[in-house]
């Protein structure tokens, strides 16, 4: 980070570089942890509701299921216990996917998440001006490109889309570490020309 003359910081007319106004790793990671814990808690509640309603989705094919059941038998786990474990595991996985997708839409619509709101953070344009739905949607689409393509692959049974989604998802994941750069922008921020700021620092 650039070093500044301390007298500059006392000047009421001094305007810091935009890179120093953007939020870095610490607060963003804190918001991520809050969102992750909230999402997990909601997913567990939704899974319990699904099971109460008798919805027990299976995420395993017949071959996978046979292999898992054979392992359970080797461990001496009874049939009723196996069934309960498999039902709960399948339900929690599906509930987690549904909740994670719905949870991400909060950021798409309002440019912030419950975690970011808790810490007073907001997505805006990279120059610090207020964002809008088109900016949030572009950033969301880039950030979640893996999920979008894998969902499209599932609907259209196009295997290559799932492969492409996996590759792009890995690239976006690596791009998260760009937040440590001087720009404090992740890869999906750079593509969407967005950044995270404290609400009080956003202009317009």
Protein backbone atom coordinates (compact mmCIF):
# COMPACT_ATOMS: atom_id res chain seq x y z
CA UNK A 1 0.00 0.00 0.00
CA UNK A 2 1.27 3.52 -0.76
CA UNK A 3 2.66 5.46 2.20
CA UNK A 4 1.27 8.94 2.74
CA UNK A 5 2.50 12.04 4.48
CA UNK A 6 0.66 12.06 7.85
CA UNK A 7 -0.07 15.76 7.36
CA UNK A 8 -2.14 14.86 4.31
CA UNK A 9 -4.45 12.80 6.49
CA UNK A 10 -5.17 15.89 8.61
CA UNK A 11 -6.15 17.95 5.58
CA UNK A 12 -9.99 18.08 5.40
CA UNK A 13 -9.75 18.46 1.61
CA UNK A 14 -7.54 15.42 1.18
CA UNK A 15 -9.15 12.67 -0.93
CA UNK A 16 -7.47 9.24 -0.56
CA UNK A 17 -6.93 7.07 -3.65
CA UNK A 18 -9.97 4.94 -4.47
CA UNK A 19 -7.91 1.78 -3.87
CA UNK A 20 -7.61 2.75 -0.20
CA UNK A 21 -11.35 3.34 0.13
CA UNK A 22 -12.27 -0.12 -1.17
CA UNK A 23 -12.70 -2.83 1.43
CA UNK A 24 -9.98 -5.45 1.63
CA UNK A 25 -9.75 -9.07 2.70
CA UNK A 26 -10.51 -8.80 6.42
CA UNK A 27 -14.03 -7.32 6.38
CA UNK A 28 -14.99 -9.27 3.26
CA UNK A 29 -13.90 -12.55 4.86
CA UNK A 30 -15.83 -11.62 7.99
CA UNK A 31 -18.96 -11.06 5.89
CA UNK A 32 -18.35 -14.39 4.15
CA UNK A 33 -18.20 -16.23 7.49
CA UNK A 34 -21.45 -14.63 8.66
CA UNK A 35 -23.16 -15.57 5.39
CA UNK A 36 -21.78 -19.12 5.49
CA UNK A 37 -23.01 -19.72 9.05
CA UNK A 38 -26.42 -18.18 8.27
CA UNK A 39 -26.74 -20.26 5.09
CA UNK A 40 -25.85 -23.48 6.92
CA UNK A 41 -28.36 -22.77 9.69
CA UNK A 42 -31.12 -22.05 7.18
CA UNK A 43 -30.23 -25.18 5.16
CA UNK A 44 -30.56 -27.37 8.26
CA UNK A 45 -33.96 -25.85 9.02
CA UNK A 46 -35.11 -26.32 5.43
CA UNK A 47 -33.86 -29.94 5.44
CA UNK A 48 -35.83 -30.63 8.60
CA UNK A 49 -38.93 -29.10 7.00
CA UNK A 50 -38.40 -31.26 3.88
CA UNK A 51 -38.14 -34.41 5.99
CA UNK A 52 -41.21 -33.46 8.03
CA UNK A 53 -43.10 -33.11 4.75
CA UNK A 54 -41.85 -36.51 3.63
CA UNK A 55 -39.55 -35.08 0.93
CA UNK A 56 -36.46 -37.28 0.83
CA UNK A 57 -34.51 -36.55 -2.38
CA UNK A 58 -31.83 -39.01 -3.42
CA UNK A 59 -28.56 -37.71 -4.82
CA UNK A 60 -27.00 -41.10 -5.57
CA UNK A 61 -27.27 -43.39 -8.54
CA UNK A 62 -28.03 -47.07 -8.03
CA UNK A 63 -24.38 -48.15 -8.31
CA UNK A 64 -23.20 -45.45 -5.88
CA UNK A 65 -26.00 -46.34 -3.50
CA UNK A 66 -25.07 -50.04 -3.55
CA UNK A 67 -21.43 -49.23 -2.76
CA UNK A 68 -22.39 -46.92 0.11
CA UNK A 69 -24.79 -49.48 1.55
CA UNK A 70 -22.14 -52.20 1.37
CA UNK A 71 -19.78 -49.97 3.39
CA UNK A 72 -22.51 -49.38 5.97
CA UNK A 73 -23.08 -53.14 6.26
CA UNK A 74 -19.36 -53.70 6.81
CA UNK A 75 -19.52 -51.18 9.66
CA UNK A 76 -22.43 -53.05 11.18
CA UNK A 77 -24.98 -50.28 10.64
CA UNK A 78 -28.55 -51.61 10.48
CA UNK A 79 -30.95 -51.14 7.59
CA UNK A 80 -33.23 -48.61 9.32
CA UNK A 81 -30.23 -46.58 10.44
CA UNK A 82 -28.79 -46.69 6.92
CA UNK A 83 -32.04 -45.46 5.48
CA UNK A 84 -32.27 -42.60 7.97
CA UNK A 85 -28.67 -41.51 7.36
CA UNK A 86 -29.07 -41.62 3.57
CA UNK A 87 -32.37 -39.75 3.70
CA UNK A 88 -30.93 -37.03 5.92
CA UNK A 89 -27.71 -36.70 3.89
CA UNK A 90 -29.58 -36.44 0.58
CA UNK A 91 -32.03 -33.94 2.04
CA UNK A 92 -29.35 -31.73 3.59
CA UNK A 93 -27.36 -31.66 0.34
CA UNK A 94 -30.40 -30.64 -1.73
CA UNK A 95 -31.49 -28.11 0.91
CA UNK A 96 -27.97 -26.63 0.95
CA UNK A 97 -28.00 -26.17 -2.83
CA UNK A 98 -31.45 -24.57 -2.81
CA UNK A 99 -30.63 -22.27 0.11
CA UNK A 100 -27.22 -21.26 -1.29
CA UNK A 101 -28.82 -20.27 -4.60
CA UNK A 102 -31.68 -18.36 -2.95
CA UNK A 103 -29.26 -16.71 -0.51
CA UNK A 104 -27.04 -15.49 -3.35
CA UNK A 105 -30.02 -13.74 -4.95
CA UNK A 106 -30.06 -11.27 -2.05
CA UNK A 107 -26.72 -9.91 -3.26
CA UNK A 108 -27.97 -9.89 -6.86
CA UNK A 109 -31.04 -7.81 -5.97
CA UNK A 110 -29.60 -5.40 -3.39
CA UNK A 111 -25.85 -5.41 -3.90
CA UNK A 112 -25.22 -6.68 -0.39
CA UNK A 113 -25.71 -9.82 1.67
CA UNK A 114 -26.79 -10.25 5.29
CA UNK A 115 -23.13 -10.65 6.20
CA UNK A 116 -22.12 -7.50 4.35
CA UNK A 117 -25.10 -5.60 5.80
CA UNK A 118 -24.05 -6.64 9.30
CA UNK A 119 -20.59 -5.13 8.73
CA UNK A 120 -21.88 -2.06 6.88
CA UNK A 121 -20.53 -3.13 3.47
CA UNK A 122 -22.04 -2.60 0.03
CA UNK A 123 -21.13 -3.49 -3.56
CA UNK A 124 -20.67 -0.45 -5.80
CA UNK A 125 -18.93 0.52 -9.00
CA UNK A 126 -15.15 0.32 -8.89
CA UNK A 127 -14.90 4.12 -8.82
CA UNK A 128 -16.94 4.26 -5.62
CA UNK A 129 -20.23 5.41 -7.14
CA UNK A 130 -23.49 3.68 -6.28
CA UNK A 131 -24.27 0.49 -8.18
CA UNK A 132 -27.52 -0.65 -9.74
CA UNK A 133 -29.26 -3.91 -10.58
CA UNK A 134 -27.37 -4.36 -13.87
CA UNK A 135 -24.03 -4.10 -12.04
CA UNK A 136 -25.14 -6.51 -9.32
CA UNK A 137 -26.49 -8.97 -11.91
CA UNK A 138 -23.26 -8.89 -13.96
CA UNK A 139 -21.14 -9.45 -10.87
CA UNK A 140 -23.43 -12.24 -9.65
CA UNK A 141 -23.35 -14.00 -13.02
CA UNK A 142 -19.54 -13.95 -13.17
CA UNK A 143 -19.14 -14.99 -9.53
CA UNK A 144 -21.57 -17.90 -9.93
CA UNK A 145 -20.68 -18.91 -13.50
CA UNK A 146 -19.86 -22.47 -12.36
CA UNK A 147 -23.30 -22.97 -10.81
CA UNK A 148 -25.07 -21.42 -13.80
CA UNK A 149 -23.32 -23.65 -16.33
CA UNK A 150 -23.69 -26.78 -14.23
CA UNK A 151 -27.40 -26.08 -13.81
CA UNK A 152 -27.69 -25.58 -17.59
CA UNK A 153 -25.83 -28.86 -18.10
CA UNK A 154 -28.24 -30.63 -15.78
CA UNK A 155 -31.33 -29.20 -17.51
CA UNK A 156 -30.04 -29.72 -21.04
CA UNK A 157 -27.98 -32.86 -20.30
CA UNK A 158 -24.97 -31.22 -22.01
CA UNK A 159 -21.93 -32.68 -20.28
CA UNK A 160 -19.45 -30.23 -21.81
CA UNK A 161 -21.14 -27.33 -20.01
CA UNK A 162 -20.47 -28.98 -16.67
CA UNK A 163 -16.79 -29.38 -17.59
CA UNK A 164 -16.52 -25.75 -18.71
CA UNK A 165 -18.32 -24.66 -15.55
CA UNK A 166 -15.85 -26.57 -13.40
CA UNK A 167 -12.86 -24.95 -15.12
CA UNK A 168 -14.33 -21.44 -14.93
CA UNK A 169 -15.36 -22.02 -11.32
CA UNK A 170 -11.75 -22.86 -10.45
CA UNK A 171 -10.53 -19.71 -12.23
CA UNK A 172 -13.03 -17.57 -10.31
CA UNK A 173 -11.99 -19.25 -7.05
CA UNK A 174 -8.32 -18.39 -7.69
CA UNK A 175 -9.50 -14.89 -8.60
CA UNK A 176 -10.81 -14.40 -5.06
CA UNK A 177 -7.19 -14.03 -3.94
CA UNK A 178 -6.82 -10.93 -6.14
CA UNK A 179 -8.43 -9.10 -3.21
CA UNK A 180 -4.94 -9.07 -1.66
CA UNK A 181 -3.66 -6.88 -4.52
CA UNK A 182 -3.41 -3.10 -4.27
CA UNK A 183 -6.69 -2.73 -6.16
CA UNK A 184 -8.57 -4.83 -3.54
CA UNK A 185 -10.71 -6.25 -6.34
CA UNK A 186 -11.34 -9.95 -6.92
CA UNK A 187 -11.38 -11.33 -10.46
CA UNK A 188 -15.19 -11.16 -10.64
CA UNK A 189 -14.98 -7.55 -9.40
CA UNK A 190 -12.54 -6.69 -12.16
CA UNK A 191 -14.70 -8.28 -14.84
CA UNK A 192 -17.86 -6.56 -13.58
CA UNK A 193 -16.00 -3.33 -12.71
CA UNK A 194 -17.33 -3.49 -9.16
CA UNK A 195 -15.80 -3.33 -5.71
CA UNK A 196 -16.87 -3.56 -2.08
CA UNK A 197 -17.02 -0.40 0.00
CA UNK A 198 -18.27 0.71 3.37
CA UNK A 199 -21.69 2.22 2.81
CA UNK A 200 -20.58 5.57 4.19
CA UNK A 201 -17.86 5.83 1.52
CA UNK A 202 -20.11 5.27 -1.51
CA UNK A 203 -20.79 8.39 -3.59
CA UNK A 204 -24.07 9.27 -5.24
